[in-house]
Amino acid sequence: MTTFVALGDSITQGIGDPVGGAWRGWAVLLAKGLRDPSLHVLSRSCGACCADVERHQLARALALSPDAASVVVGFSDTLRVGFDPARHQPPGGRPRLTGRP
């Protein structure tokens, strides 16, 4: 089984992609291309910001020990008054879901 975790905002959640009375989204389409997928979409709400993903989704993603993960977030951040890209740089370089390089 391939565990795929999708972290992010409403784009990850599938808002704007209605199929069969629900939101589908790109993560579902990507998961279908994986061998024996187990998909976990951790997006909690529309309007999630980078800080929300770090605070509310990252620990849950790590707990699942995924084989693959995606992070699509930041659109909502740019819409906020006072948006400063420098504040959204990860400390210590690029974040990783595992200790593997």
C-alpha atoms as a PDB file:
ATOM      1  CA  MET A   1       0.000   0.000   0.000  1.00  0.00           C
ATOM      2  CA  THR A   2       1.223   3.501  -0.837  1.00  0.00           C
ATOM      3  CA  THR A   3       0.296   6.065   1.809  1.00  0.00           C
ATOM      4  CA  PHE A   4      -0.116   9.507   0.245  1.00  0.00           C
ATOM      5  CA  VAL A   5      -0.737  12.543   2.452  1.00  0.00           C
ATOM      6  CA  ALA A   6      -1.960  15.826   0.955  1.00  0.00           C
ATOM      7  CA  LEU A   7      -1.475  18.873   3.189  1.00  0.00           C
ATOM      8  CA  GLY A   8      -2.753  22.299   2.256  1.00  0.00           C
ATOM      9  CA  ASP A   9      -5.581  24.725   1.774  1.00  0.00           C
ATOM     10  CA  SER A  10      -8.816  24.742  -0.231  1.00  0.00           C
ATOM     11  CA  ILE A  11      -6.945  23.874  -3.450  1.00  0.00           C
ATOM     12  CA  THR A  12      -5.852  20.612  -1.822  1.00  0.00           C
ATOM     13  CA  GLN A  13      -9.322  20.092  -0.366  1.00  0.00           C
ATOM     14  CA  GLY A  14     -10.774  20.236  -3.891  1.00  0.00           C
ATOM     15  CA  ILE A  15     -12.896  23.362  -3.555  1.00  0.00           C
ATOM     16  CA  GLY A  16     -14.024  24.340  -7.040  1.00  0.00           C
ATOM     17  CA  ASP A  17     -13.893  20.782  -8.411  1.00  0.00           C
ATOM     18  CA  PRO A  18     -17.402  19.419  -7.790  1.00  0.00           C
ATOM     19  CA  VAL A  19     -17.954  15.770  -8.708  1.00  0.00           C
ATOM     20  CA  GLY A  20     -20.932  13.713  -7.612  1.00  0.00           C
ATOM     21  CA  GLY A  21     -22.102  16.218  -4.995  1.00  0.00           C
ATOM     22  CA  ALA A  22     -18.713  16.489  -3.270  1.00  0.00           C
ATOM     23  CA  TRP A  23     -15.376  18.216  -3.783  1.00  0.00           C
ATOM     24  CA  ARG A  24     -12.886  15.957  -5.573  1.00  0.00           C
ATOM     25  CA  GLY A  25      -9.637  17.874  -6.085  1.00  0.00           C
ATOM     26  CA  TRP A  26      -6.284  17.087  -7.613  1.00  0.00           C
ATOM     27  CA  ALA A  27      -5.041  14.931  -4.694  1.00  0.00           C
ATOM     28  CA  VAL A  28      -7.707  12.312  -5.431  1.00  0.00           C
ATOM     29  CA  LEU A  29      -6.698  12.213  -9.090  1.00  0.00           C
ATOM     30  CA  LEU A  30      -3.017  11.846  -8.183  1.00  0.00           C
ATOM     31  CA  ALA A  31      -3.746   9.096  -5.650  1.00  0.00           C
ATOM     32  CA  LYS A  32      -5.579   7.094  -8.315  1.00  0.00           C
ATOM     33  CA  GLY A  33      -2.275   6.852 -10.192  1.00  0.00           C
ATOM     34  CA  LEU A  34      -0.499   5.256  -7.213  1.00  0.00           C
ATOM     35  CA  ARG A  35      -0.264   1.518  -6.623  1.00  0.00           C
ATOM     36  CA  ASP A  36      -2.789   0.466  -3.951  1.00  0.00           C
ATOM     37  CA  PRO A  37      -3.241   4.026  -2.623  1.00  0.00           C
ATOM     38  CA  SER A  38      -4.246   5.091   0.851  1.00  0.00           C
ATOM     39  CA  LEU A  39      -5.077   8.793   0.533  1.00  0.00           C
ATOM     40  CA  HIS A  40      -5.235  11.181   3.475  1.00  0.00           C
ATOM     41  CA  VAL A  41      -6.264  14.763   2.642  1.00  0.00           C
ATOM     42  CA  LEU A  42      -5.462  16.771   5.761  1.00  0.00           C
ATOM     43  CA  SER A  43      -6.803  20.124   4.596  1.00  0.00           C
ATOM     44  CA  ARG A  44      -9.103  21.331   7.373  1.00  0.00           C
ATOM     45  CA  SER A  45     -10.808  24.365   5.941  1.00  0.00           C
ATOM     46  CA  CYS A  46     -10.994  26.952   3.227  1.00  0.00           C
ATOM     47  CA  GLY A  47      -8.607  29.795   3.854  1.00  0.00           C
ATOM     48  CA  ALA A  48      -5.906  27.713   5.555  1.00  0.00           C
ATOM     49  CA  CYS A  49      -2.601  29.557   5.691  1.00  0.00           C
ATOM     50  CA  CYS A  50       0.975  28.271   5.861  1.00  0.00           C
ATOM     51  CA  ALA A  51       0.928  28.546   9.663  1.00  0.00           C
ATOM     52  CA  ASP A  52      -2.278  26.469   9.800  1.00  0.00           C
ATOM     53  CA  VAL A  53      -0.630  23.671   7.856  1.00  0.00           C
ATOM     54  CA  GLU A  54       2.356  23.705  10.186  1.00  0.00           C
ATOM     55  CA  ARG A  55       0.222  23.861  13.368  1.00  0.00           C
ATOM     56  CA  HIS A  56      -2.644  21.541  12.462  1.00  0.00           C
ATOM     57  CA  GLN A  57      -1.610  19.234   9.635  1.00  0.00           C
ATOM     58  CA  LEU A  58       2.121  18.516   9.825  1.00  0.00           C
ATOM     59  CA  ALA A  59       2.097  16.413  13.017  1.00  0.00           C
ATOM     60  CA  ARG A  60      -0.835  14.350  11.690  1.00  0.00           C
ATOM     61  CA  ALA A  61       1.038  13.797   8.423  1.00  0.00           C
ATOM     62  CA  LEU A  62       4.193  12.681  10.224  1.00  0.00           C
ATOM     63  CA  ALA A  63       2.173  10.274  12.371  1.00  0.00           C
ATOM     64  CA  LEU A  64       0.957   8.515   9.214  1.00  0.00           C
ATOM     65  CA  SER A  65       4.553   7.846   8.026  1.00  0.00           C
ATOM     66  CA  PRO A  66       3.596   8.509   4.397  1.00  0.00           C
ATOM     67  CA  ASP A  67       5.392   7.109   1.359  1.00  0.00           C
ATOM     68  CA  ALA A  68       4.558  10.301  -0.536  1.00  0.00           C
ATOM     69  CA  ALA A  69       3.335  13.735   0.491  1.00  0.00           C
ATOM     70  CA  SER A  70       2.381  17.022  -1.091  1.00  0.00           C
ATOM     71  CA  VAL A  71       2.082  20.501   0.360  1.00  0.00           C
ATOM     72  CA  VAL A  72       0.078  23.039  -1.618  1.00  0.00           C
ATOM     73  CA  VAL A  73      -0.602  26.130   0.467  1.00  0.00           C
ATOM     74  CA  GLY A  74       0.033  29.845   0.376  1.00  0.00           C
ATOM     75  CA  PHE A  75      -2.688  31.216  -1.848  1.00  0.00           C
ATOM     76  CA  SER A  76      -4.699  32.372   1.169  1.00  0.00           C
ATOM     77  CA  ASP A  77      -1.589  33.935   2.723  1.00  0.00           C
ATOM     78  CA  THR A  78      -1.061  36.188  -0.275  1.00  0.00           C
ATOM     79  CA  LEU A  79      -4.602  37.549   0.009  1.00  0.00           C
ATOM     80  CA  ARG A  80      -4.086  38.813   3.555  1.00  0.00           C
ATOM     81  CA  VAL A  81      -3.343  42.454   4.277  1.00  0.00           C
ATOM     82  CA  GLY A  82       0.261  42.805   5.349  1.00  0.00           C
ATOM     83  CA  PHE A  83       1.467  39.662   3.549  1.00  0.00           C
ATOM     84  CA  ASP A  84       5.265  39.454   3.804  1.00  0.00           C
ATOM     85  CA  PRO A  85       6.938  36.599   1.898  1.00  0.00           C
ATOM     86  CA  ALA A  86       9.970  36.793   4.207  1.00  0.00           C
ATOM     87  CA  ARG A  87       7.785  35.649   7.130  1.00  0.00           C
ATOM     88  CA  HIS A  88       6.903  32.462   5.278  1.00  0.00           C
ATOM     89  CA  GLN A  89      10.420  31.139   4.781  1.00  0.00           C
ATOM     90  CA  PRO A  90      10.957  27.869   6.654  1.00  0.00           C
ATOM     91  CA  PRO A  91      13.547  28.116   9.408  1.00  0.00           C
ATOM     92  CA  GLY A  92      16.625  26.018   8.764  1.00  0.00           C
ATOM     93  CA  GLY A  93      15.960  25.383   5.089  1.00  0.00           C
ATOM     94  CA  ARG A  94      13.433  23.246   3.287  1.00  0.00           C
ATOM     95  CA  PRO A  95      11.070  21.218   5.461  1.00  0.00           C
ATOM     96  CA  ARG A  96      10.993  17.413   5.159  1.00  0.00           C
ATOM     97  CA  LEU A  97       8.370  14.969   6.368  1.00  0.00           C
ATOM     98  CA  THR A  98      11.016  12.379   7.228  1.00  0.00           C
ATOM     99  CA  GLY A  99      14.640  12.436   8.273  1.00  0.00           C
ATOM    100  CA  ARG A 100      15.610  11.051   4.880  1.00  0.00           C
ATOM    101  CA  PRO A 101      17.392  13.516   2.538  1.00  0.00           C
END
